[in-house]
Amino acid sequence: NILPTKAQTAETPAAPESVVLFVEFTFDEKDLDSAIDLMSQMQSKVLENEDGCVAYDVLMSDEEPNKIFVYESYENQDALKVHNNTPYFKEIVGTKLKKLIKSQKIKTLYLLNPDDGESGESGPVDAQP
């Protein structure tokens, strides 16, 4: 494994804010098992090797069984760059998974109240019908 240098992982004034991605992949039903296996491999590699990754969740939906969703959260833009340049990202996502993807949507998200995270008061609010 290639470990990032201190310069790659250091939080710089230019990139202090967290980066959140929500990715939606669509696959043919025949490729779904292979895609799930590859996404599970990717999740394991990311969580084992990337200190700058806060969350990497692989999700599915009963309503859309041919889709896989990934919620990714990184400490900052530098951590995302490290992620995108890892050998396992290039092999698993850039080569193997790419052949199976019918379509993909990537949304870059941000926290509404990033300063409230430490207070414990941020989070979902119960909606009243």
Protein backbone atom coordinates (compact mmCIF):
# COMPACT_ATOMS: atom_id res chain seq x y z
CA ASN A 1 0.00 0.00 0.00
CA ILE A 2 1.15 3.50 -0.77
CA LEU A 3 0.76 5.73 2.26
CA PRO A 4 0.11 9.44 1.76
CA THR A 5 2.82 11.85 2.82
CA LYS A 6 2.27 14.36 5.60
CA ALA A 7 1.90 17.05 2.96
CA GLN A 8 -0.92 15.10 1.31
CA THR A 9 -2.83 14.59 4.55
CA ALA A 10 -2.16 17.91 6.29
CA GLU A 11 -5.13 20.21 6.50
CA THR A 12 -4.24 23.41 4.68
CA PRO A 13 -5.98 26.77 4.90
CA ALA A 14 -7.03 26.37 1.26
CA ALA A 15 -8.95 23.12 1.91
CA PRO A 16 -10.21 22.93 5.51
CA GLU A 17 -13.83 22.07 4.75
CA SER A 18 -15.24 18.58 4.64
CA VAL A 19 -16.28 17.10 1.31
CA VAL A 20 -19.33 14.84 1.00
CA LEU A 21 -20.21 12.87 -2.12
CA PHE A 22 -23.39 10.94 -2.85
CA VAL A 23 -22.92 8.64 -5.82
CA GLU A 24 -25.67 6.68 -7.58
CA PHE A 25 -24.64 3.79 -9.82
CA THR A 26 -27.04 1.90 -12.09
CA PHE A 27 -26.22 -1.63 -13.26
CA ASP A 28 -27.81 -4.32 -15.39
CA GLU A 29 -29.38 -6.99 -13.19
CA LYS A 30 -26.90 -9.58 -14.53
CA ASP A 31 -23.95 -7.46 -13.30
CA LEU A 32 -25.34 -6.59 -9.87
CA ASP A 33 -23.63 -9.37 -7.88
CA SER A 34 -20.25 -8.50 -9.38
CA ALA A 35 -20.84 -4.81 -8.70
CA ILE A 36 -21.78 -5.50 -5.07
CA ASP A 37 -18.61 -7.55 -4.63
CA LEU A 38 -16.43 -4.80 -6.12
CA MET A 39 -18.11 -2.09 -4.03
CA SER A 40 -17.58 -4.18 -0.88
CA GLN A 41 -13.90 -4.56 -1.74
CA MET A 42 -13.63 -0.82 -2.28
CA GLN A 43 -15.34 -0.04 1.01
CA SER A 44 -12.93 -2.30 2.93
CA LYS A 45 -9.85 -0.79 1.27
CA VAL A 46 -10.99 2.79 1.89
CA LEU A 47 -11.87 2.25 5.55
CA GLU A 48 -8.63 0.34 6.23
CA ASN A 49 -6.26 2.74 4.46
CA GLU A 50 -7.62 6.30 4.37
CA ASP A 51 -7.42 8.32 7.56
CA GLY A 52 -9.00 11.30 5.81
CA CYS A 53 -12.16 9.35 5.01
CA VAL A 54 -14.81 9.96 7.67
CA ALA A 55 -17.48 7.66 6.14
CA TYR A 56 -17.80 5.33 3.17
CA ASP A 57 -21.20 3.66 3.16
CA VAL A 58 -22.47 1.39 0.38
CA LEU A 59 -26.28 1.38 0.23
CA MET A 60 -29.06 -0.32 -1.69
CA SER A 61 -32.80 0.27 -2.03
CA ASP A 62 -35.68 -2.21 -2.35
CA GLU A 63 -37.43 0.33 -4.60
CA GLU A 64 -34.50 0.44 -7.05
CA PRO A 65 -32.73 -2.93 -6.80
CA ASN A 66 -30.43 -2.34 -9.78
CA LYS A 67 -28.83 0.71 -8.13
CA ILE A 68 -26.02 1.01 -5.62
CA PHE A 69 -25.56 4.24 -3.70
CA VAL A 70 -22.36 5.36 -2.01
CA TYR A 71 -22.18 8.00 0.71
CA GLU A 72 -18.60 9.28 1.04
CA SER A 73 -17.37 11.87 3.53
CA TYR A 74 -13.82 13.23 3.62
CA GLU A 75 -12.10 15.60 6.06
CA ASN A 76 -11.17 17.94 3.21
CA GLN A 77 -10.46 18.20 -0.52
CA ASP A 78 -6.92 16.87 -0.01
CA ALA A 79 -8.29 13.64 1.51
CA LEU A 80 -10.57 13.22 -1.52
CA LYS A 81 -7.57 13.70 -3.83
CA VAL A 82 -5.65 11.03 -1.93
CA HIS A 83 -8.68 8.71 -2.29
CA ASN A 84 -9.02 9.29 -6.04
CA ASN A 85 -5.33 8.56 -6.59
CA THR A 86 -5.03 5.31 -4.66
CA PRO A 87 -4.08 2.22 -6.69
CA TYR A 88 -7.15 0.33 -5.46
CA PHE A 89 -9.51 3.16 -6.56
CA LYS A 90 -7.94 3.14 -10.02
CA GLU A 91 -8.15 -0.65 -10.27
CA ILE A 92 -11.56 -1.33 -8.69
CA VAL A 93 -13.56 1.74 -9.75
CA GLY A 94 -11.56 3.02 -12.71
CA THR A 95 -11.15 -0.34 -14.42
CA LYS A 96 -13.32 -3.20 -13.11
CA LEU A 97 -16.47 -1.39 -11.96
CA LYS A 98 -16.39 1.05 -14.88
CA LYS A 99 -17.09 -1.84 -17.30
CA LEU A 100 -20.31 -2.71 -15.43
CA ILE A 101 -21.79 0.77 -14.86
CA LYS A 102 -24.80 1.64 -17.03
CA SER A 103 -25.05 5.15 -15.59
CA GLN A 104 -23.73 7.16 -12.69
CA LYS A 105 -24.65 10.40 -10.93
CA ILE A 106 -22.32 12.16 -8.51
CA LYS A 107 -23.59 14.87 -6.18
CA THR A 108 -21.20 16.97 -4.11
CA LEU A 109 -22.90 17.96 -0.87
CA TYR A 110 -22.07 20.20 2.09
CA LEU A 111 -23.16 20.51 5.69
CA LEU A 112 -25.79 23.15 6.36
CA ASN A 113 -24.43 23.86 9.85
CA PRO A 114 -20.82 22.67 9.92
CA ASP A 115 -20.07 24.50 13.18
CA ASP A 116 -22.95 22.75 14.99
CA GLY A 117 -21.44 19.28 14.58
CA GLU A 118 -19.63 19.33 17.91
CA SER A 119 -22.59 20.52 19.94
CA GLY A 120 -24.52 17.31 19.36
CA GLU A 121 -27.59 19.34 18.46
CA SER A 122 -27.36 19.01 14.69
CA GLY A 123 -29.04 16.19 12.83
CA PRO A 124 -32.39 15.25 11.44
CA VAL A 125 -35.45 16.88 12.86
CA ASP A 126 -38.58 14.78 13.26
CA ALA A 127 -41.04 15.86 10.60
CA GLN A 128 -44.66 16.24 11.63
CA PRO A 129 -47.23 14.92 9.12
